[in-house]
Amino acid sequence: MKFSYTFIISIITLILSGCTVVEHIAGVGFDSEQFEKARESKILELRLKSAEKLSKRMELNSPLFDYDLSVAFNEEMVNKLLAQYKDATGMLDDATDYVIKDVKAKLENGSAIASFELLAHNETHNVDVLLLLDCLILIDEEKKDLVLKVEPFNISPITTTRGVYSAAKEIINKMIKLNLANLNKSLPPLKIPLNIENKIPIPGNKTDIKSKINLTIVNPERNIKFNLKIKEILFFKEKIVVGLGLEKVEVE
């Protein structure tokens, strides 16, 4: 009977030990909650600072939307633009490649943040790690076009999907210490379709006047040329507003 108890205890110990190994391989032993709290704290801090800047801007006496032209982009449109990044690939280091599995933007008062899901694979350790890459969304003007850019500011792991946990932990620690600017190589700017022509045609006309003096007045076709310049970009909940001003208006 003593042998039976010892045997049972040995079996239970072996099973529990095996569960621990499987737990680590599956990523259960990975403290994702700790990383998520740190990530949430960083995002909230960034949003608070951005909201404070917007609040100060709105406290000024100058009226909002006092532009010659304003263009608004809602959250749905921004997400459609960002969808172009899906399935893009790149390298985190010499041994670790990644593919972008999903991307989602969230527009808040004062800030716009895009979160990318990266599935990274390390060839040396044969480890897969699912990562969240958080980026600021920026709007800029290049060659008279509006472009959307993303600027990485935070990266954190979600879970490991394959490999030995100790190796995965080493890869995770290495990944979150990377220079995030290197990831910009796989995240090129996206052009925003404004469909704004810098030339407006004015059709010509001809008027005949028959009186004591017969006159024929001819107005030839002309073009009004103009340039648009970004005056301000404001981020609101679920909306980005770009204020544009007319610059150098002339008739040709």
Protein backbone atom coordinates (compact mmCIF):
# COMPACT_ATOMS: atom_id res chain seq x y z
CA MET A 1 0.00 0.00 0.00
CA LYS A 2 2.91 2.31 0.79
CA PHE A 3 4.28 1.68 -2.73
CA SER A 4 0.88 2.56 -4.21
CA TYR A 5 0.74 5.90 -2.38
CA THR A 6 4.29 6.72 -3.48
CA PHE A 7 3.47 5.75 -7.05
CA ILE A 8 0.30 7.88 -7.07
CA ILE A 9 2.16 10.88 -5.62
CA SER A 10 4.90 10.47 -8.24
CA ILE A 11 2.31 10.36 -11.04
CA ILE A 12 0.53 13.47 -9.68
CA THR A 13 3.88 15.30 -9.39
CA LEU A 14 4.78 14.35 -12.97
CA ILE A 15 1.37 15.50 -14.26
CA LEU A 16 1.58 18.82 -12.44
CA SER A 17 5.12 19.34 -13.70
CA GLY A 18 3.96 18.61 -17.24
CA CYS A 19 1.10 21.11 -16.90
CA THR A 20 3.58 23.79 -15.88
CA VAL A 21 5.66 23.19 -19.00
CA VAL A 22 2.56 23.26 -21.23
CA GLU A 23 1.39 26.38 -19.39
CA HIS A 24 4.61 28.17 -20.27
CA ILE A 25 4.60 26.99 -23.87
CA ALA A 26 1.03 28.21 -24.29
CA GLY A 27 1.95 31.55 -22.78
CA VAL A 28 -0.18 31.17 -19.64
CA GLY A 29 2.86 31.68 -17.45
CA PHE A 30 3.51 34.97 -19.19
CA ASP A 31 2.33 37.94 -17.10
CA SER A 32 0.26 39.65 -19.79
CA GLU A 33 -1.78 41.55 -17.17
CA GLN A 34 1.33 43.40 -15.97
CA PHE A 35 2.21 44.46 -19.50
CA GLU A 36 -1.39 45.47 -20.24
CA LYS A 37 -1.53 47.69 -17.15
CA ALA A 38 1.76 49.36 -18.09
CA ARG A 39 0.50 49.85 -21.66
CA GLU A 40 -2.82 51.30 -20.53
CA SER A 41 -1.03 53.67 -18.15
CA LYS A 42 1.25 54.93 -20.93
CA ILE A 43 -1.67 55.47 -23.34
CA LEU A 44 -3.76 57.28 -20.71
CA GLU A 45 -0.81 59.55 -19.86
CA LEU A 46 -0.36 60.40 -23.54
CA ARG A 47 -4.08 61.06 -24.03
CA LEU A 48 -4.21 63.28 -20.95
CA LYS A 49 -1.36 65.47 -22.20
CA SER A 50 -2.94 65.68 -25.66
CA ALA A 51 -6.36 66.57 -24.22
CA GLU A 52 -4.78 69.30 -22.08
CA LYS A 53 -3.17 70.83 -25.17
CA LEU A 54 -6.50 70.78 -27.02
CA SER A 55 -8.23 72.33 -24.00
CA LYS A 56 -5.73 75.20 -23.91
CA ARG A 57 -6.24 75.71 -27.65
CA MET A 58 -10.01 75.93 -27.17
CA GLU A 59 -9.61 78.42 -24.30
CA LEU A 60 -8.07 80.94 -26.70
CA ASN A 61 -10.27 83.68 -28.08
CA SER A 62 -9.65 82.69 -31.71
CA PRO A 63 -12.70 80.80 -33.05
CA LEU A 64 -12.47 77.16 -34.03
CA PHE A 65 -12.98 76.19 -37.67
CA ASP A 66 -12.18 79.72 -38.87
CA TYR A 67 -10.70 78.37 -42.09
CA ASP A 68 -11.23 78.94 -45.79
CA LEU A 69 -11.84 75.22 -46.09
CA SER A 70 -12.06 72.41 -43.57
CA VAL A 71 -11.97 68.67 -44.17
CA ALA A 72 -13.09 66.06 -41.62
CA PHE A 73 -12.05 62.41 -41.52
CA ASN A 74 -14.11 60.08 -39.36
CA GLU A 75 -12.77 57.05 -37.52
CA GLU A 76 -14.12 54.62 -40.12
CA MET A 77 -12.21 56.34 -42.93
CA VAL A 78 -8.99 56.44 -40.91
CA ASN A 79 -9.30 52.71 -40.24
CA LYS A 80 -9.84 52.04 -43.97
CA LEU A 81 -6.62 53.90 -44.73
CA LEU A 82 -4.69 52.03 -42.02
CA ALA A 83 -5.97 48.70 -43.38
CA GLN A 84 -3.35 49.11 -46.13
CA TYR A 85 -0.73 48.14 -43.53
CA LYS A 86 -2.33 44.73 -42.96
CA ASP A 87 -0.12 41.78 -43.95
CA ALA A 88 2.94 44.06 -44.23
CA THR A 89 6.15 42.31 -43.15
CA GLY A 90 9.45 43.42 -41.68
CA MET A 91 12.36 42.52 -39.40
CA LEU A 92 12.69 43.35 -35.71
CA ASP A 93 16.28 42.12 -35.73
CA ASP A 94 18.46 39.75 -37.77
CA ALA A 95 16.69 36.67 -36.43
CA THR A 96 13.15 37.97 -35.84
CA ASP A 97 10.66 38.72 -38.60
CA TYR A 98 7.06 39.87 -38.19
CA VAL A 99 3.79 40.24 -40.06
CA ILE A 100 1.04 42.77 -39.25
CA LYS A 101 -2.12 40.78 -38.54
CA ASP A 102 -4.50 43.60 -37.63
CA VAL A 103 -4.64 47.36 -37.07
CA LYS A 104 -7.22 49.58 -35.39
CA ALA A 105 -7.36 53.33 -34.81
CA LYS A 106 -9.00 55.14 -31.92
CA LEU A 107 -9.65 58.88 -32.15
CA GLU A 108 -9.99 60.83 -28.91
CA ASN A 109 -10.07 64.50 -27.98
CA GLY A 110 -6.54 65.70 -28.61
CA SER A 111 -5.03 62.42 -29.82
CA ALA A 112 -5.25 59.62 -32.35
CA ILE A 113 -3.68 56.24 -31.63
CA ALA A 114 -3.35 53.23 -33.92
CA SER A 115 -2.71 49.79 -32.41
CA PHE A 116 -1.06 47.16 -34.59
CA GLU A 117 -1.01 43.43 -33.86
CA LEU A 118 2.35 41.98 -34.89
CA LEU A 119 3.01 38.26 -35.05
CA ALA A 120 6.77 37.98 -34.56
CA HIS A 121 8.76 34.81 -35.17
CA ASN A 122 12.30 34.23 -33.93
CA GLU A 123 14.20 31.72 -36.06
CA THR A 124 16.96 31.06 -33.51
CA HIS A 125 14.62 29.95 -30.69
CA ASN A 126 11.65 28.94 -32.89
CA VAL A 127 9.36 31.18 -30.83
CA ASP A 128 6.22 33.03 -31.94
CA VAL A 129 5.18 36.12 -29.95
CA LEU A 130 2.04 38.20 -30.53
CA LEU A 131 2.81 41.87 -29.90
CA LEU A 132 0.83 45.11 -29.68
CA LEU A 133 2.50 48.11 -31.30
CA ASP A 134 0.96 51.47 -30.36
CA CYS A 135 1.52 54.45 -32.68
CA LEU A 136 0.56 58.09 -32.76
CA ILE A 137 -1.34 59.06 -35.91
CA LEU A 138 0.05 62.22 -37.50
CA ILE A 139 -1.30 64.27 -40.42
CA ASP A 140 1.19 66.20 -42.53
CA GLU A 141 1.48 68.01 -45.86
CA GLU A 142 3.84 66.78 -48.55
CA LYS A 143 3.97 68.18 -52.09
CA LYS A 144 0.49 69.71 -51.76
CA ASP A 145 -0.96 66.37 -50.62
CA LEU A 146 -2.09 65.32 -47.18
CA VAL A 147 -0.44 62.20 -45.81
CA LEU A 148 -1.14 60.08 -42.76
CA LYS A 149 1.88 58.91 -40.79
CA VAL A 150 2.24 56.63 -37.78
CA GLU A 151 4.89 57.12 -35.12
CA PRO A 152 5.51 54.11 -32.80
CA PHE A 153 5.75 54.93 -29.10
CA ASN A 154 5.08 51.66 -27.30
CA ILE A 155 5.34 47.92 -27.89
CA SER A 156 4.17 45.18 -25.54
CA PRO A 157 3.64 41.40 -25.81
CA ILE A 158 0.21 39.80 -25.63
CA THR A 159 1.18 36.13 -25.47
CA THR A 160 3.60 33.49 -26.73
CA THR A 161 2.19 30.92 -29.13
CA ARG A 162 5.06 28.49 -29.65
CA GLY A 163 8.42 27.70 -28.12
CA VAL A 164 10.12 27.34 -24.77
CA TYR A 165 9.00 30.02 -22.34
CA SER A 166 12.50 31.00 -21.16
CA ALA A 167 13.49 31.65 -24.78
CA ALA A 168 10.24 33.53 -25.43
CA LYS A 169 10.85 35.70 -22.38
CA GLU A 170 14.32 36.58 -23.68
CA ILE A 171 12.86 37.54 -27.08
CA ILE A 172 10.08 39.58 -25.45
CA ASN A 173 12.53 41.55 -23.31
CA LYS A 174 14.67 42.21 -26.37
CA MET A 175 11.70 43.34 -28.43
CA ILE A 176 10.42 45.90 -25.97
CA LYS A 177 13.89 47.49 -25.78
CA LEU A 178 14.11 47.98 -29.55
CA ASN A 179 14.47 51.37 -31.18
CA LEU A 180 10.86 51.75 -32.34
CA ALA A 181 11.91 54.18 -35.08
CA ASN A 182 13.23 51.20 -37.05
CA LEU A 183 9.67 49.95 -37.46
CA ASN A 184 8.83 53.01 -39.56
CA LYS A 185 10.53 51.30 -42.51
CA SER A 186 7.53 48.97 -42.78
CA LEU A 187 5.01 51.75 -42.09
CA PRO A 188 5.35 54.26 -44.95
CA PRO A 189 3.08 57.35 -45.08
CA LEU A 190 -0.39 56.94 -46.60
CA LYS A 191 -1.80 59.55 -48.97
CA ILE A 192 -5.17 60.98 -47.96
CA PRO A 193 -7.46 61.52 -50.98
CA LEU A 194 -8.73 65.09 -50.75
CA ASN A 195 -9.62 65.48 -54.45
CA ILE A 196 -8.96 69.21 -54.30
CA GLU A 197 -8.03 70.79 -57.63
CA ASN A 198 -5.83 73.89 -57.52
CA LYS A 199 -7.53 75.33 -60.59
CA ILE A 200 -11.19 76.32 -61.07
CA PRO A 201 -12.32 77.04 -64.65
CA ILE A 202 -14.67 79.98 -65.26
CA PRO A 203 -16.56 79.45 -68.51
CA GLY A 204 -16.48 82.25 -71.06
CA ASN A 205 -19.56 83.98 -72.46
CA LYS A 206 -20.63 86.32 -75.22
CA THR A 207 -23.24 89.08 -74.88
CA ASP A 208 -24.74 91.02 -77.80
CA ILE A 209 -26.26 94.45 -77.06
CA LYS A 210 -28.43 95.97 -79.78
CA SER A 211 -29.39 99.54 -79.12
CA LYS A 212 -28.32 102.93 -80.46
CA ILE A 213 -24.84 101.49 -80.20
CA ASN A 214 -24.41 97.85 -81.10
CA LEU A 215 -21.99 96.10 -78.79
CA THR A 216 -20.66 92.60 -78.48
CA ILE A 217 -19.07 91.83 -75.12
CA VAL A 218 -16.91 88.74 -75.00
CA ASN A 219 -15.59 87.30 -71.73
CA PRO A 220 -12.98 84.64 -72.49
CA GLU A 221 -12.68 81.46 -70.45
CA ARG A 222 -10.40 81.92 -67.46
CA ASN A 223 -8.94 79.83 -64.67
CA ILE A 224 -8.67 80.78 -61.02
CA LYS A 225 -5.52 79.25 -59.56
CA PHE A 226 -4.98 78.82 -55.84
CA ASN A 227 -2.85 76.99 -53.32
CA LEU A 228 -4.05 75.44 -50.08
CA LYS A 229 -2.00 75.46 -46.90
CA ILE A 230 -2.65 73.52 -43.71
CA LYS A 231 -3.48 75.97 -40.93
CA GLU A 232 -4.39 73.54 -38.17
CA ILE A 233 -5.16 69.90 -37.42
CA LEU A 234 -7.48 69.07 -34.55
CA PHE A 235 -8.26 65.64 -33.12
CA PHE A 236 -11.69 65.06 -31.66
CA LYS A 237 -13.54 61.95 -30.54
CA GLU A 238 -14.08 59.83 -33.68
CA LYS A 239 -13.06 62.71 -35.98
CA ILE A 240 -9.99 64.51 -37.36
CA VAL A 241 -10.53 68.07 -38.63
CA VAL A 242 -7.98 69.60 -41.02
CA GLY A 243 -8.25 73.37 -41.44
CA LEU A 244 -6.97 74.71 -44.76
CA GLY A 245 -6.29 78.28 -45.84
CA LEU A 246 -6.21 79.77 -49.34
CA GLU A 247 -2.82 80.96 -50.45
CA LYS A 248 -1.79 82.87 -53.61
CA VAL A 249 -5.09 83.22 -55.48
CA GLU A 250 -4.73 84.48 -59.06
CA VAL A 251 -6.59 84.53 -62.39
CA GLU A 252 -4.94 83.28 -65.56
